[in-house]
Amino acid sequence: MVESKSPIIGGLGGVGPASPTGTRPTKGDQASGLGGPSFGEVLGSQIAEPKPNNLAPKTEGLKFSQHALERMKMRGISFKPEDMGKLNEAIDRAAQKGSRETLVLMGDNALIVSVKNKTVVTAMDREAMKEKVFSNIDSTVIL
């Protein structure tokens, strides 16, 4: 048996290594004070109260995937700050309707956006849209 030097579950103190005899303390050992708290006790103490940073919703703005940034550079696509504001509003509206992957049409450009992650996955100009087929989307927003 190979024994790991790290805790069984990262970040959960008290769930320690095996005893010198090679066995983990039993419930009886814990009652007699030979072992630490039980796994259930440690787990319960870790999840009993939510961490403050998990309480607030993410309010980050729209992000661009590396793929989208490469396509934008290659196709000469850029957005003004007011365009970004409109794009953020469009994604918020799509999210309110339950969209997951949306096509956003902005003038001569088309963007595929992961609504949940608020991430532009790819960007196309009029030339790249010539195929006129968009797959893996569940909604479209026209700006």
Protein backbone atom coordinates (compact mmCIF):
# COMPACT_ATOMS: atom_id res chain seq x y z
CA MET A 1 0.00 0.00 0.00
CA VAL A 2 1.40 3.41 -0.98
CA GLU A 3 0.68 6.12 1.51
CA SER A 4 0.22 9.68 0.31
CA LYS A 5 1.75 12.52 2.28
CA SER A 6 -1.11 14.86 1.39
CA PRO A 7 -4.47 14.82 3.15
CA ILE A 8 -7.16 12.59 1.68
CA ILE A 9 -9.12 15.64 0.57
CA GLY A 10 -7.17 18.85 -0.05
CA GLY A 11 -7.76 21.58 2.47
CA LEU A 12 -9.55 19.43 5.03
CA GLY A 13 -7.42 19.46 8.15
CA GLY A 14 -7.85 16.68 10.66
CA VAL A 15 -8.20 13.92 8.08
CA GLY A 16 -4.71 12.72 8.64
CA PRO A 17 -2.41 9.88 7.82
CA ALA A 18 -2.80 6.35 9.01
CA SER A 19 -1.78 5.41 12.52
CA PRO A 20 1.65 3.82 13.12
CA THR A 21 -0.01 0.40 12.82
CA GLY A 22 -1.07 1.23 9.28
CA THR A 23 -4.77 1.55 10.00
CA ARG A 24 -6.99 4.58 10.29
CA PRO A 25 -8.53 5.31 13.68
CA THR A 26 -11.92 3.71 14.15
CA LYS A 27 -14.98 5.39 15.56
CA GLY A 28 -14.14 3.84 18.95
CA ASP A 29 -10.63 5.30 18.79
CA GLN A 30 -12.09 8.73 18.08
CA ALA A 31 -14.43 8.44 21.04
CA SER A 32 -11.48 7.65 23.26
CA GLY A 33 -9.59 10.66 21.97
CA LEU A 34 -6.97 8.75 19.96
CA GLY A 35 -8.15 10.03 16.57
CA GLY A 36 -9.18 13.38 15.16
CA PRO A 37 -12.65 14.39 14.09
CA SER A 38 -14.51 12.09 11.73
CA PHE A 39 -14.55 12.75 8.01
CA GLY A 40 -18.22 13.77 8.26
CA GLU A 41 -17.44 16.29 11.00
CA VAL A 42 -14.59 17.82 9.05
CA LEU A 43 -16.61 17.94 5.84
CA GLY A 44 -19.57 19.48 7.66
CA SER A 45 -17.39 22.17 9.17
CA GLN A 46 -15.99 23.04 5.75
CA ILE A 47 -19.37 23.39 4.02
CA ALA A 48 -21.55 24.59 6.87
CA GLU A 49 -21.10 28.28 6.09
CA PRO A 50 -20.65 29.60 2.55
CA LYS A 51 -17.51 31.57 1.88
CA PRO A 52 -18.14 35.32 1.36
CA ASN A 53 -16.66 35.33 -2.16
CA ASN A 54 -19.21 32.68 -3.21
CA LEU A 55 -22.18 34.81 -2.14
CA ALA A 56 -21.91 37.59 -4.71
CA PRO A 57 -22.76 36.82 -8.32
CA LYS A 58 -19.99 37.30 -10.83
CA THR A 59 -20.33 40.73 -12.32
CA GLU A 60 -17.38 40.47 -14.66
CA GLY A 61 -17.79 41.85 -18.15
CA LEU A 62 -17.65 39.99 -21.39
CA LYS A 63 -14.48 38.00 -22.10
CA PHE A 64 -12.99 36.81 -25.38
CA SER A 65 -11.53 33.34 -25.88
CA GLN A 66 -8.07 33.05 -27.39
CA HIS A 67 -9.69 31.65 -30.54
CA ALA A 68 -12.02 34.66 -30.81
CA LEU A 69 -9.13 37.09 -30.32
CA GLU A 70 -7.15 35.37 -33.06
CA ARG A 71 -10.14 35.49 -35.46
CA MET A 72 -10.77 39.16 -34.69
CA LYS A 73 -7.13 40.04 -35.36
CA MET A 74 -7.04 37.97 -38.54
CA ARG A 75 -10.31 39.51 -39.83
CA GLY A 76 -9.67 43.07 -38.67
CA ILE A 77 -12.63 43.13 -36.28
CA SER A 78 -12.63 45.59 -33.38
CA PHE A 79 -15.28 47.11 -31.13
CA LYS A 80 -15.70 50.56 -29.64
CA PRO A 81 -16.57 50.89 -25.94
CA GLU A 82 -20.22 51.65 -26.83
CA ASP A 83 -20.29 48.45 -28.95
CA MET A 84 -19.05 46.48 -25.94
CA GLY A 85 -21.82 47.98 -23.82
CA LYS A 86 -24.43 46.90 -26.39
CA LEU A 87 -22.89 43.46 -26.59
CA ASN A 88 -22.97 43.06 -22.80
CA GLU A 89 -26.65 44.12 -22.75
CA ALA A 90 -27.43 41.65 -25.55
CA ILE A 91 -25.84 38.79 -23.61
CA ASP A 92 -27.74 39.77 -20.46
CA ARG A 93 -31.02 39.69 -22.42
CA ALA A 94 -30.13 36.30 -23.89
CA ALA A 95 -29.36 34.99 -20.38
CA GLN A 96 -32.76 36.20 -19.13
CA LYS A 97 -34.38 34.11 -21.87
CA GLY A 98 -32.42 31.00 -20.86
CA SER A 99 -29.97 30.99 -23.77
CA ARG A 100 -26.77 29.00 -23.50
CA GLU A 101 -24.96 29.64 -26.81
CA THR A 102 -26.10 32.65 -28.81
CA LEU A 103 -25.31 34.19 -32.16
CA VAL A 104 -24.99 37.97 -31.93
CA LEU A 105 -25.27 39.87 -35.20
CA MET A 106 -23.65 43.31 -35.00
CA GLY A 107 -23.56 45.16 -38.30
CA ASP A 108 -21.21 43.21 -40.58
CA ASN A 109 -19.97 40.97 -37.77
CA ALA A 110 -21.27 37.83 -36.12
CA LEU A 111 -20.18 36.53 -32.72
CA ILE A 112 -20.88 33.20 -31.09
CA VAL A 113 -21.09 33.73 -27.33
CA SER A 114 -21.23 31.32 -24.41
CA VAL A 115 -23.90 33.07 -22.37
CA LYS A 116 -23.21 31.23 -19.12
CA ASN A 117 -19.50 32.09 -19.23
CA LYS A 118 -20.03 35.51 -20.85
CA THR A 119 -17.30 34.57 -23.31
CA VAL A 120 -17.11 35.31 -27.02
CA VAL A 121 -16.13 31.97 -28.54
CA THR A 122 -15.55 33.12 -32.12
CA ALA A 123 -16.02 36.16 -34.32
CA MET A 124 -16.75 36.43 -38.04
CA ASP A 125 -16.92 39.23 -40.55
CA ARG A 126 -19.21 39.32 -43.60
CA GLU A 127 -16.68 37.37 -45.69
CA ALA A 128 -16.45 34.55 -43.13
CA MET A 129 -20.27 34.38 -42.90
CA LYS A 130 -20.65 33.36 -46.55
CA GLU A 131 -21.45 29.76 -45.61
CA LYS A 132 -24.53 31.10 -43.80
CA VAL A 133 -24.63 28.10 -41.46
CA PHE A 134 -24.28 28.56 -37.71
CA SER A 135 -24.35 25.43 -35.57
CA ASN A 136 -24.46 24.73 -31.85
CA ILE A 137 -26.48 27.85 -30.99
CA ASP A 138 -29.85 28.10 -29.30
CA SER A 139 -30.61 31.77 -29.85
CA THR A 140 -29.81 34.85 -31.93
CA VAL A 141 -29.62 38.49 -30.88
CA ILE A 142 -29.64 41.16 -33.59
CA LEU A 143 -28.08 44.51 -32.68
